[in-house]
Amino acid sequence: MSLCDSRVLELIIKLNGKKIPEIIAGSTLTEKLFNDDLHANDRIFLVGGTNATANKIRALYGDLNIEHHNPSMGFIYKDAEVKKLIDLVCLNNPTHVFLAVGSPQQEILARKLCQDRRFKGVALCIGASLLFLVGEEKRAPQWLQSLRLEWLYRMLQSPVRLGKRYLSNALAIPAIYWNIKNSLSGRRV
C-alpha cells in the first residue's frame, strides 16, 4: 500500500487531469493509529527519535507494547548497521514499525525491511510524526495545511535542519511533474 501524504504531489497530479481521492498526512495517520487502532496485542517498534520521545509515547500509550531503537546519523550508508537494525526489528516480530529517521533513509529502510522474509509487519515512513504525537513539535495550523504550506511552516521553525532538504525537494519538482505527466499519459519515463 502506498498513500499520498503530499499536498504538493496532489496538486501536480491534479494539474495533469487526475485526482487523488484523499490525502492522508503521515502525521494524521500515525495519530489515528495510536489513538484508535493499535491495541495491547500489537507489537510496535519505533525506529528513530530519542529515548525521551519513546518514553513519552510509552507513557501516553501505556497499554501498548513499544520497543525503540535510534540508529546513528548516516546509518543507512553503513551496511553492517542496517543489517543489525533489520535483525533487531525482525527479532522483535512487530506488527507495526514506525520509521522516523527522515527521508530518504526511512523509505530505503522500509524497502529493505519488506524485502526480508522474516518481516511480517507493516512499515510506515512517518518523519516527525512522533514529535507531533508527544507535543515536542507543532503541526501547521489547518489553514496553512489546506494552502499546501505545511512545509513552509515547518521550515520556518527549523530552517537550518530543513532548508536544504526542502530546497532539494523544490528543485526536483519539475522532474517529478514531467514524470507524472508522462506516466499519466501512458508514455514511458
N, C-alpha and C. Protein backbone atom coordinates (compact mmCIF):
# COMPACT_ATOMS: atom_id res chain seq x y z
N MET A 1 0.85 -1.17 0.00
CA MET A 1 0.00 0.00 0.00
C MET A 1 0.89 1.23 0.00
N SER A 2 0.54 2.18 -0.79
CA SER A 2 1.28 3.44 -0.85
C SER A 2 0.26 4.57 -0.76
N LEU A 3 0.41 5.41 0.25
CA LEU A 3 -0.52 6.51 0.46
C LEU A 3 0.13 7.82 0.07
N CYS A 4 -0.67 8.75 -0.39
CA CYS A 4 -0.15 10.08 -0.72
C CYS A 4 -0.34 10.98 0.49
N ASP A 5 0.78 11.53 0.98
CA ASP A 5 0.69 12.47 2.11
C ASP A 5 1.19 13.84 1.69
N SER A 6 1.28 14.08 0.39
CA SER A 6 1.83 15.34 -0.10
C SER A 6 0.77 16.16 -0.83
N ARG A 7 0.48 17.31 -0.28
CA ARG A 7 -0.47 18.20 -0.96
C ARG A 7 0.16 18.80 -2.22
N VAL A 8 1.48 18.90 -2.26
CA VAL A 8 2.17 19.38 -3.46
C VAL A 8 2.03 18.33 -4.58
N LEU A 9 2.26 17.07 -4.24
CA LEU A 9 2.09 15.99 -5.21
C LEU A 9 0.63 15.92 -5.68
N GLU A 10 -0.29 16.10 -4.76
CA GLU A 10 -1.71 16.12 -5.13
C GLU A 10 -1.97 17.20 -6.18
N LEU A 11 -1.40 18.38 -5.99
CA LEU A 11 -1.59 19.49 -6.93
C LEU A 11 -0.99 19.15 -8.30
N ILE A 12 0.20 18.56 -8.32
CA ILE A 12 0.84 18.18 -9.58
C ILE A 12 -0.04 17.18 -10.33
N ILE A 13 -0.57 16.21 -9.62
CA ILE A 13 -1.43 15.20 -10.25
C ILE A 13 -2.72 15.86 -10.76
N LYS A 14 -3.27 16.77 -9.96
CA LYS A 14 -4.48 17.49 -10.36
C LYS A 14 -4.24 18.32 -11.62
N LEU A 15 -3.08 18.97 -11.71
CA LEU A 15 -2.73 19.76 -12.89
C LEU A 15 -2.63 18.88 -14.14
N ASN A 16 -2.45 17.59 -13.95
CA ASN A 16 -2.38 16.65 -15.05
C ASN A 16 -3.69 15.90 -15.28
N GLY A 17 -4.79 16.46 -14.74
CA GLY A 17 -6.11 15.93 -15.03
C GLY A 17 -6.56 14.73 -14.23
N LYS A 18 -5.84 14.37 -13.20
CA LYS A 18 -6.22 13.23 -12.35
C LYS A 18 -6.50 13.74 -10.95
N LYS A 19 -7.12 12.88 -10.16
CA LYS A 19 -7.44 13.28 -8.79
C LYS A 19 -7.08 12.15 -7.83
N ILE A 20 -6.50 12.53 -6.73
CA ILE A 20 -6.24 11.58 -5.65
C ILE A 20 -7.45 11.66 -4.72
N PRO A 21 -8.06 10.51 -4.41
CA PRO A 21 -9.27 10.55 -3.60
C PRO A 21 -9.10 11.23 -2.24
N GLU A 22 -7.94 11.01 -1.62
CA GLU A 22 -7.74 11.57 -0.28
C GLU A 22 -6.25 11.69 0.02
N ILE A 23 -5.89 12.79 0.62
CA ILE A 23 -4.53 12.97 1.13
C ILE A 23 -4.55 12.52 2.58
N ILE A 24 -3.61 11.68 2.93
CA ILE A 24 -3.51 11.22 4.31
C ILE A 24 -2.11 11.57 4.79
N ALA A 25 -1.99 12.65 5.52
CA ALA A 25 -0.68 13.04 6.06
C ALA A 25 -0.19 11.96 7.01
N GLY A 26 1.10 11.65 6.90
CA GLY A 26 1.68 10.62 7.76
C GLY A 26 1.46 10.92 9.23
N SER A 27 1.49 12.19 9.60
CA SER A 27 1.28 12.57 10.99
C SER A 27 -0.16 12.31 11.43
N THR A 28 -1.09 12.56 10.53
CA THR A 28 -2.50 12.28 10.82
C THR A 28 -2.73 10.78 10.97
N LEU A 29 -2.15 10.01 10.06
CA LEU A 29 -2.28 8.55 10.11
C LEU A 29 -1.66 7.99 11.39
N THR A 30 -0.47 8.47 11.73
CA THR A 30 0.21 8.00 12.94
C THR A 30 -0.65 8.26 14.18
N GLU A 31 -1.16 9.48 14.29
CA GLU A 31 -2.00 9.82 15.44
C GLU A 31 -3.25 8.94 15.49
N LYS A 32 -3.88 8.72 14.34
CA LYS A 32 -5.08 7.88 14.31
C LYS A 32 -4.76 6.45 14.74
N LEU A 33 -3.66 5.92 14.22
CA LEU A 33 -3.30 4.56 14.60
C LEU A 33 -3.08 4.44 16.10
N PHE A 34 -2.30 5.36 16.67
CA PHE A 34 -2.02 5.29 18.11
C PHE A 34 -3.28 5.52 18.94
N ASN A 35 -4.12 6.44 18.52
CA ASN A 35 -5.30 6.77 19.34
C ASN A 35 -6.47 5.80 19.15
N ASP A 36 -6.60 5.21 17.97
CA ASP A 36 -7.81 4.45 17.68
C ASP A 36 -7.60 3.00 17.29
N ASP A 37 -6.46 2.66 16.72
CA ASP A 37 -6.37 1.36 16.07
C ASP A 37 -5.36 0.39 16.67
N LEU A 38 -4.34 0.87 17.35
CA LEU A 38 -3.36 -0.04 17.95
C LEU A 38 -3.88 -0.53 19.29
N HIS A 39 -3.61 -1.82 19.57
CA HIS A 39 -4.11 -2.44 20.80
C HIS A 39 -2.99 -3.19 21.50
N ALA A 40 -3.27 -3.65 22.70
CA ALA A 40 -2.26 -4.30 23.54
C ALA A 40 -1.64 -5.52 22.87
N ASN A 41 -2.36 -6.19 21.99
CA ASN A 41 -1.80 -7.37 21.34
C ASN A 41 -0.92 -7.02 20.14
N ASP A 42 -0.88 -5.74 19.75
CA ASP A 42 0.02 -5.30 18.69
C ASP A 42 1.42 -5.09 19.26
N ARG A 43 2.40 -5.34 18.43
CA ARG A 43 3.80 -5.11 18.83
C ARG A 43 4.32 -3.96 17.98
N ILE A 44 4.70 -2.86 18.64
CA ILE A 44 5.12 -1.64 17.95
C ILE A 44 6.63 -1.48 18.10
N PHE A 45 7.27 -1.11 17.00
CA PHE A 45 8.70 -0.85 17.03
C PHE A 45 8.92 0.53 16.43
N LEU A 46 9.54 1.41 17.20
CA LEU A 46 9.86 2.76 16.75
C LEU A 46 11.32 2.79 16.33
N VAL A 47 11.58 3.26 15.13
CA VAL A 47 12.96 3.44 14.65
C VAL A 47 13.17 4.93 14.48
N GLY A 48 14.07 5.50 15.27
CA GLY A 48 14.33 6.93 15.24
C GLY A 48 13.71 7.62 16.43
N GLY A 49 14.06 8.86 16.59
CA GLY A 49 13.60 9.60 17.76
C GLY A 49 14.46 9.28 18.96
N THR A 50 14.40 10.13 19.94
CA THR A 50 15.22 9.95 21.13
C THR A 50 14.56 8.98 22.10
N ASN A 51 15.34 8.52 23.06
CA ASN A 51 14.78 7.68 24.12
C ASN A 51 13.71 8.44 24.90
N ALA A 52 13.93 9.74 25.10
CA ALA A 52 12.95 10.56 25.83
C ALA A 52 11.62 10.60 25.08
N THR A 53 11.67 10.75 23.77
CA THR A 53 10.43 10.77 22.98
C THR A 53 9.75 9.41 23.06
N ALA A 54 10.52 8.33 22.91
CA ALA A 54 9.95 6.98 23.01
C ALA A 54 9.31 6.76 24.38
N ASN A 55 9.95 7.24 25.43
CA ASN A 55 9.38 7.09 26.78
C ASN A 55 8.10 7.88 26.94
N LYS A 56 8.02 9.06 26.33
CA LYS A 56 6.77 9.84 26.38
C LYS A 56 5.65 9.09 25.67
N ILE A 57 5.97 8.45 24.57
CA ILE A 57 4.95 7.67 23.84
C ILE A 57 4.52 6.48 24.69
N ARG A 58 5.47 5.82 25.32
CA ARG A 58 5.12 4.70 26.22
C ARG A 58 4.22 5.17 27.35
N ALA A 59 4.50 6.36 27.89
CA ALA A 59 3.68 6.89 28.98
C ALA A 59 2.27 7.23 28.50
N LEU A 60 2.17 7.80 27.31
CA LEU A 60 0.85 8.15 26.76
C LEU A 60 0.03 6.93 26.39
N TYR A 61 0.71 5.89 25.93
CA TYR A 61 0.03 4.69 25.43
C TYR A 61 0.53 3.48 26.20
N GLY A 62 0.34 3.52 27.51
CA GLY A 62 0.86 2.51 28.42
C GLY A 62 0.41 1.10 28.16
N ASP A 63 -0.72 0.94 27.48
CA ASP A 63 -1.23 -0.41 27.22
C ASP A 63 -0.57 -1.04 25.99
N LEU A 64 0.25 -0.28 25.27
CA LEU A 64 0.88 -0.80 24.06
C LEU A 64 2.28 -1.35 24.35
N ASN A 65 2.64 -2.37 23.60
CA ASN A 65 3.95 -2.98 23.68
C ASN A 65 4.85 -2.23 22.69
N ILE A 66 5.72 -1.37 23.19
CA ILE A 66 6.53 -0.49 22.33
C ILE A 66 8.01 -0.72 22.57
N GLU A 67 8.72 -1.07 21.49
CA GLU A 67 10.18 -1.17 21.51
C GLU A 67 10.72 0.02 20.71
N HIS A 68 11.98 0.36 20.97
CA HIS A 68 12.56 1.54 20.31
C HIS A 68 14.04 1.34 20.05
N HIS A 69 14.48 1.87 18.92
CA HIS A 69 15.92 1.93 18.62
C HIS A 69 16.16 3.18 17.79
N ASN A 70 17.18 3.94 18.17
CA ASN A 70 17.56 5.12 17.42
C ASN A 70 18.92 4.86 16.78
N PRO A 71 18.96 4.65 15.45
CA PRO A 71 20.24 4.38 14.80
C PRO A 71 21.11 5.63 14.75
N SER A 72 22.36 5.43 14.43
CA SER A 72 23.30 6.55 14.34
C SER A 72 23.00 7.40 13.10
N MET A 73 23.47 8.64 13.12
CA MET A 73 23.34 9.50 11.94
C MET A 73 24.07 8.84 10.78
N GLY A 74 23.46 8.85 9.62
CA GLY A 74 24.07 8.27 8.43
C GLY A 74 24.07 6.75 8.43
N PHE A 75 23.27 6.13 9.32
CA PHE A 75 23.25 4.67 9.44
C PHE A 75 22.96 3.98 8.11
N ILE A 76 22.14 4.60 7.28
CA ILE A 76 21.68 3.95 6.06
C ILE A 76 22.83 3.65 5.10
N TYR A 77 23.96 4.36 5.28
CA TYR A 77 25.14 4.15 4.44
C TYR A 77 26.12 3.15 5.06
N LYS A 78 25.73 2.57 6.18
CA LYS A 78 26.59 1.60 6.88
C LYS A 78 25.90 0.24 6.83
N ASP A 79 26.30 -0.59 5.88
CA ASP A 79 25.63 -1.86 5.65
C ASP A 79 25.50 -2.71 6.91
N ALA A 80 26.57 -2.77 7.71
CA ALA A 80 26.55 -3.59 8.92
C ALA A 80 25.49 -3.08 9.90
N GLU A 81 25.39 -1.75 10.04
CA GLU A 81 24.39 -1.20 10.96
C GLU A 81 22.97 -1.43 10.45
N VAL A 82 22.77 -1.30 9.15
CA VAL A 82 21.44 -1.56 8.57
C VAL A 82 21.06 -3.02 8.82
N LYS A 83 22.00 -3.93 8.58
CA LYS A 83 21.72 -5.36 8.80
C LYS A 83 21.37 -5.63 10.26
N LYS A 84 22.14 -5.05 11.19
CA LYS A 84 21.85 -5.23 12.63
C LYS A 84 20.46 -4.68 12.99
N LEU A 85 20.12 -3.54 12.42
CA LEU A 85 18.82 -2.93 12.69
C LEU A 85 17.68 -3.81 12.16
N ILE A 86 17.84 -4.32 10.94
CA ILE A 86 16.82 -5.20 10.38
C ILE A 86 16.71 -6.47 11.21
N ASP A 87 17.84 -7.02 11.64
CA ASP A 87 17.82 -8.20 12.51
C ASP A 87 17.09 -7.91 13.81
N LEU A 88 17.36 -6.74 14.41
CA LEU A 88 16.71 -6.35 15.66
C LEU A 88 15.20 -6.21 15.48
N VAL A 89 14.79 -5.54 14.42
CA VAL A 89 13.36 -5.37 14.15
C VAL A 89 12.72 -6.75 13.97
N CYS A 90 13.31 -7.59 13.14
CA CYS A 90 12.72 -8.90 12.86
C CYS A 90 12.70 -9.78 14.11
N LEU A 91 13.70 -9.68 14.95
CA LEU A 91 13.75 -10.45 16.20
C LEU A 91 12.56 -10.08 17.10
N ASN A 92 12.16 -8.82 17.09
CA ASN A 92 11.05 -8.36 17.91
C ASN A 92 9.68 -8.68 17.30
N ASN A 93 9.65 -9.11 16.04
CA ASN A 93 8.43 -9.52 15.35
C ASN A 93 7.29 -8.51 15.51
N PRO A 94 7.53 -7.26 15.13
CA PRO A 94 6.49 -6.24 15.32
C PRO A 94 5.36 -6.34 14.30
N THR A 95 4.18 -5.91 14.72
CA THR A 95 3.07 -5.78 13.78
C THR A 95 3.16 -4.46 13.04
N HIS A 96 3.72 -3.43 13.71
CA HIS A 96 3.85 -2.09 13.13
C HIS A 96 5.23 -1.52 13.44
N VAL A 97 5.90 -1.05 12.39
CA VAL A 97 7.19 -0.37 12.57
C VAL A 97 7.01 1.06 12.10
N PHE A 98 7.30 2.00 12.98
CA PHE A 98 7.19 3.42 12.66
C PHE A 98 8.61 3.94 12.41
N LEU A 99 8.88 4.29 11.16
CA LEU A 99 10.22 4.74 10.76
C LEU A 99 10.27 6.26 10.78
N ALA A 100 11.02 6.79 11.73
CA ALA A 100 11.11 8.24 11.93
C ALA A 100 12.56 8.68 11.83
N VAL A 101 13.19 8.35 10.71
CA VAL A 101 14.61 8.67 10.52
C VAL A 101 14.84 9.60 9.34
N GLY A 102 13.80 10.24 8.87
CA GLY A 102 13.93 11.21 7.78
C GLY A 102 13.97 10.57 6.41
N SER A 103 13.68 11.39 5.44
CA SER A 103 13.65 10.94 4.06
C SER A 103 15.00 11.27 3.40
N PRO A 104 15.54 10.39 2.60
CA PRO A 104 15.00 9.13 2.09
C PRO A 104 15.40 7.90 2.92
N GLN A 105 16.09 8.10 4.05
CA GLN A 105 16.55 6.95 4.85
C GLN A 105 15.39 6.02 5.22
N GLN A 106 14.27 6.60 5.66
CA GLN A 106 13.17 5.75 6.11
C GLN A 106 12.56 4.96 4.95
N GLU A 107 12.51 5.53 3.77
CA GLU A 107 11.98 4.81 2.62
C GLU A 107 12.91 3.67 2.19
N ILE A 108 14.21 3.94 2.25
CA ILE A 108 15.19 2.90 1.92
C ILE A 108 15.09 1.77 2.93
N LEU A 109 15.02 2.11 4.21
CA LEU A 109 14.92 1.10 5.26
C LEU A 109 13.61 0.31 5.13
N ALA A 110 12.51 0.98 4.83
CA ALA A 110 11.22 0.30 4.66
C ALA A 110 11.32 -0.75 3.54
N ARG A 111 11.93 -0.36 2.45
CA ARG A 111 12.09 -1.29 1.32
C ARG A 111 12.92 -2.50 1.75
N LYS A 112 14.03 -2.25 2.45
CA LYS A 112 14.90 -3.35 2.88
C LYS A 112 14.16 -4.26 3.87
N LEU A 113 13.39 -3.67 4.78
CA LEU A 113 12.62 -4.47 5.73
C LEU A 113 11.61 -5.36 5.00
N CYS A 114 10.90 -4.77 4.08
CA CYS A 114 9.86 -5.51 3.37
C CYS A 114 10.44 -6.58 2.44
N GLN A 115 11.70 -6.46 2.08
CA GLN A 115 12.36 -7.48 1.27
C GLN A 115 12.88 -8.64 2.11
N ASP A 116 12.91 -8.46 3.42
CA ASP A 116 13.38 -9.51 4.32
C ASP A 116 12.22 -10.45 4.62
N ARG A 117 12.41 -11.73 4.33
CA ARG A 117 11.32 -12.72 4.51
C ARG A 117 10.87 -12.86 5.96
N ARG A 118 11.74 -12.50 6.90
CA ARG A 118 11.37 -12.62 8.31
C ARG A 118 10.39 -11.56 8.75
N PHE A 119 10.34 -10.45 8.04
CA PHE A 119 9.50 -9.32 8.44
C PHE A 119 8.06 -9.55 7.99
N LYS A 120 7.14 -9.53 8.95
CA LYS A 120 5.72 -9.80 8.67
C LYS A 120 4.82 -8.61 8.99
N GLY A 121 5.38 -7.52 9.46
CA GLY A 121 4.58 -6.39 9.90
C GLY A 121 4.34 -5.36 8.82
N VAL A 122 3.92 -4.19 9.25
CA VAL A 122 3.69 -3.04 8.39
C VAL A 122 4.74 -2.00 8.75
N ALA A 123 5.43 -1.48 7.73
CA ALA A 123 6.42 -0.43 7.94
C ALA A 123 5.84 0.88 7.45
N LEU A 124 5.84 1.89 8.32
CA LEU A 124 5.29 3.20 7.98
C LEU A 124 6.38 4.26 8.08
N CYS A 125 6.56 5.01 7.01
CA CYS A 125 7.53 6.11 6.99
C CYS A 125 6.80 7.35 7.50
N ILE A 126 7.20 7.84 8.68
CA ILE A 126 6.38 8.86 9.35
C ILE A 126 7.11 10.16 9.67
N GLY A 127 8.39 10.28 9.31
CA GLY A 127 9.09 11.54 9.55
C GLY A 127 9.01 12.01 10.99
N ALA A 128 8.53 13.22 11.18
CA ALA A 128 8.48 13.85 12.50
C ALA A 128 7.20 13.54 13.28
N SER A 129 6.43 12.57 12.83
CA SER A 129 5.13 12.28 13.45
C SER A 129 5.20 11.98 14.95
N LEU A 130 6.26 11.32 15.38
CA LEU A 130 6.39 11.01 16.81
C LEU A 130 6.54 12.29 17.62
N LEU A 131 7.26 13.26 17.06
CA LEU A 131 7.44 14.55 17.75
C LEU A 131 6.11 15.28 17.87
N PHE A 132 5.29 15.20 16.83
CA PHE A 132 3.96 15.82 16.88
C PHE A 132 3.08 15.09 17.89
N LEU A 133 3.18 13.76 17.91
CA LEU A 133 2.34 12.94 18.78
C LEU A 133 2.53 13.28 20.26
N VAL A 134 3.77 13.59 20.64
CA VAL A 134 4.04 13.89 22.06
C VAL A 134 4.12 15.39 22.33
N GLY A 135 3.89 16.22 21.31
CA GLY A 135 3.87 17.67 21.50
C GLY A 135 5.23 18.34 21.52
N GLU A 136 6.28 17.64 21.09
CA GLU A 136 7.61 18.25 21.04
C GLU A 136 7.74 19.22 19.88
N GLU A 137 6.96 19.00 18.83
CA GLU A 137 6.87 19.93 17.71
C GLU A 137 5.39 20.10 17.39
N LYS A 138 5.06 21.24 16.80
CA LYS A 138 3.67 21.54 16.45
C LYS A 138 3.48 21.45 14.95
N ARG A 139 2.34 20.90 14.56
CA ARG A 139 1.98 20.89 13.14
C ARG A 139 1.47 22.27 12.76
N ALA A 140 1.50 22.54 11.48
CA ALA A 140 1.00 23.81 10.95
C ALA A 140 -0.50 23.91 11.21
N PRO A 141 -1.00 25.13 11.40
CA PRO A 141 -2.45 25.30 11.53
C PRO A 141 -3.16 24.73 10.29
N GLN A 142 -4.39 24.32 10.46
CA GLN A 142 -5.15 23.68 9.38
C GLN A 142 -5.21 24.56 8.12
N TRP A 143 -5.35 25.87 8.30
CA TRP A 143 -5.48 26.74 7.14
C TRP A 143 -4.20 26.73 6.30
N LEU A 144 -3.03 26.62 6.96
CA LEU A 144 -1.77 26.51 6.21
C LEU A 144 -1.66 25.15 5.52
N GLN A 145 -2.14 24.11 6.19
CA GLN A 145 -2.13 22.78 5.58
C GLN A 145 -2.99 22.78 4.32
N SER A 146 -4.16 23.39 4.39
CA SER A 146 -5.06 23.40 3.23
C SER A 146 -4.50 24.25 2.08
N LEU A 147 -3.64 25.21 2.38
CA LEU A 147 -2.99 26.00 1.34
C LEU A 147 -1.72 25.34 0.81
N ARG A 148 -1.46 24.10 1.24
CA ARG A 148 -0.28 23.34 0.85
C ARG A 148 1.02 23.99 1.34
N LEU A 149 0.97 24.62 2.52
CA LEU A 149 2.13 25.34 3.04
C LEU A 149 2.65 24.79 4.37
N GLU A 150 2.28 23.56 4.70
CA GLU A 150 2.79 22.98 5.94
C GLU A 150 4.31 22.90 5.90
N TRP A 151 4.88 22.62 4.73
CA TRP A 151 6.33 22.56 4.58
C TRP A 151 6.97 23.90 4.96
N LEU A 152 6.35 25.01 4.58
CA LEU A 152 6.89 26.34 4.88
C LEU A 152 6.86 26.59 6.39
N TYR A 153 5.76 26.24 7.02
CA TYR A 153 5.63 26.38 8.47
C TYR A 153 6.73 25.61 9.19
N ARG A 154 6.95 24.36 8.75
CA ARG A 154 7.97 23.53 9.39
C ARG A 154 9.37 24.09 9.13
N MET A 155 9.61 24.56 7.90
CA MET A 155 10.94 25.09 7.56
C MET A 155 11.24 26.34 8.38
N LEU A 156 10.24 27.19 8.59
CA LEU A 156 10.45 28.40 9.38
C LEU A 156 10.74 28.07 10.84
N GLN A 157 10.23 26.95 11.33
CA GLN A 157 10.52 26.52 12.70
C GLN A 157 11.92 25.93 12.83
N SER A 158 12.43 25.36 11.74
CA SER A 158 13.74 24.71 11.79
C SER A 158 14.48 24.91 10.47
N PRO A 159 14.85 26.17 10.16
CA PRO A 159 15.42 26.48 8.84
C PRO A 159 16.76 25.79 8.56
N VAL A 160 17.61 25.68 9.55
CA VAL A 160 18.92 25.07 9.32
C VAL A 160 18.75 23.59 8.97
N ARG A 161 17.90 22.91 9.71
CA ARG A 161 17.72 21.47 9.51
C ARG A 161 16.93 21.15 8.24
N LEU A 162 15.90 21.95 7.95
CA LEU A 162 15.00 21.61 6.85
C LEU A 162 15.21 22.41 5.58
N GLY A 163 15.89 23.54 5.65
CA GLY A 163 16.06 24.41 4.49
C GLY A 163 16.68 23.70 3.30
N LYS A 164 17.79 23.02 3.52
CA LYS A 164 18.49 22.33 2.43
C LYS A 164 17.62 21.22 1.85
N ARG A 165 16.95 20.45 2.72
CA ARG A 165 16.10 19.36 2.25
C ARG A 165 14.96 19.90 1.39
N TYR A 166 14.31 20.96 1.86
CA TYR A 166 13.17 21.49 1.11
C TYR A 166 13.61 22.17 -0.19
N LEU A 167 14.79 22.77 -0.19
CA LEU A 167 15.31 23.34 -1.44
C LEU A 167 15.57 22.22 -2.45
N SER A 168 16.18 21.16 -1.98
CA SER A 168 16.43 20.00 -2.84
C SER A 168 15.12 19.44 -3.39
N ASN A 169 14.11 19.33 -2.52
CA ASN A 169 12.79 18.85 -2.95
C ASN A 169 12.20 19.78 -4.00
N ALA A 170 12.31 21.09 -3.77
CA ALA A 170 11.75 22.08 -4.70
C ALA A 170 12.42 21.97 -6.07
N LEU A 171 13.73 21.76 -6.08
CA LEU A 171 14.45 21.63 -7.35
C LEU A 171 14.05 20.37 -8.12
N ALA A 172 13.53 19.38 -7.40
CA ALA A 172 13.10 18.14 -8.05
C ALA A 172 11.69 18.22 -8.61
N ILE A 173 10.93 19.25 -8.25
CA ILE A 173 9.52 19.33 -8.66
C ILE A 173 9.34 19.31 -10.18
N PRO A 174 10.13 20.05 -10.98
CA PRO A 174 9.93 19.96 -12.44
C PRO A 174 10.08 18.53 -12.98
N ALA A 175 11.09 17.81 -12.51
CA ALA A 175 11.29 16.42 -12.97
C ALA A 175 10.12 15.54 -12.52
N ILE A 176 9.66 15.74 -11.29
CA ILE A 176 8.52 14.97 -10.79
C ILE A 176 7.29 15.27 -11.64
N TYR A 177 7.09 16.56 -11.93
CA TYR A 177 5.94 16.97 -12.75
C TYR A 177 5.97 16.25 -14.10
N TRP A 178 7.11 16.27 -14.79
CA TRP A 178 7.20 15.67 -16.12
C TRP A 178 7.09 14.15 -16.06
N ASN A 179 7.64 13.54 -15.02
CA ASN A 179 7.49 12.09 -14.87
C ASN A 179 6.03 11.71 -14.66
N ILE A 180 5.33 12.48 -13.84
CA ILE A 180 3.91 12.19 -13.61
C ILE A 180 3.12 12.44 -14.89
N LYS A 181 3.40 13.55 -15.55
CA LYS A 181 2.70 13.88 -16.80
C LYS A 181 2.86 12.75 -17.82
N ASN A 182 4.09 12.30 -18.01
CA ASN A 182 4.36 11.22 -18.95
C ASN A 182 3.73 9.91 -18.51
N SER A 183 3.80 9.64 -17.22
CA SER A 183 3.22 8.40 -16.67
C SER A 183 1.71 8.37 -16.86
N LEU A 184 1.05 9.48 -16.56
CA LEU A 184 -0.41 9.56 -16.69
C LEU A 184 -0.87 9.53 -18.13
N SER A 185 -0.02 9.98 -19.04
CA SER A 185 -0.39 9.97 -20.46
C SER A 185 0.00 8.65 -21.14
N GLY A 186 0.63 7.74 -20.38
CA GLY A 186 0.98 6.44 -20.91
C GLY A 186 2.35 6.39 -21.56
N ARG A 187 3.09 7.48 -21.56
CA ARG A 187 4.45 7.48 -22.11
C ARG A 187 5.41 6.84 -21.12
N ARG A 188 6.45 6.25 -21.64
CA ARG A 188 7.48 5.68 -20.77
C ARG A 188 8.32 6.78 -20.17
N VAL A 189 8.70 6.62 -18.91
CA VAL A 189 9.56 7.61 -18.23
C VAL A 189 10.88 6.98 -17.85
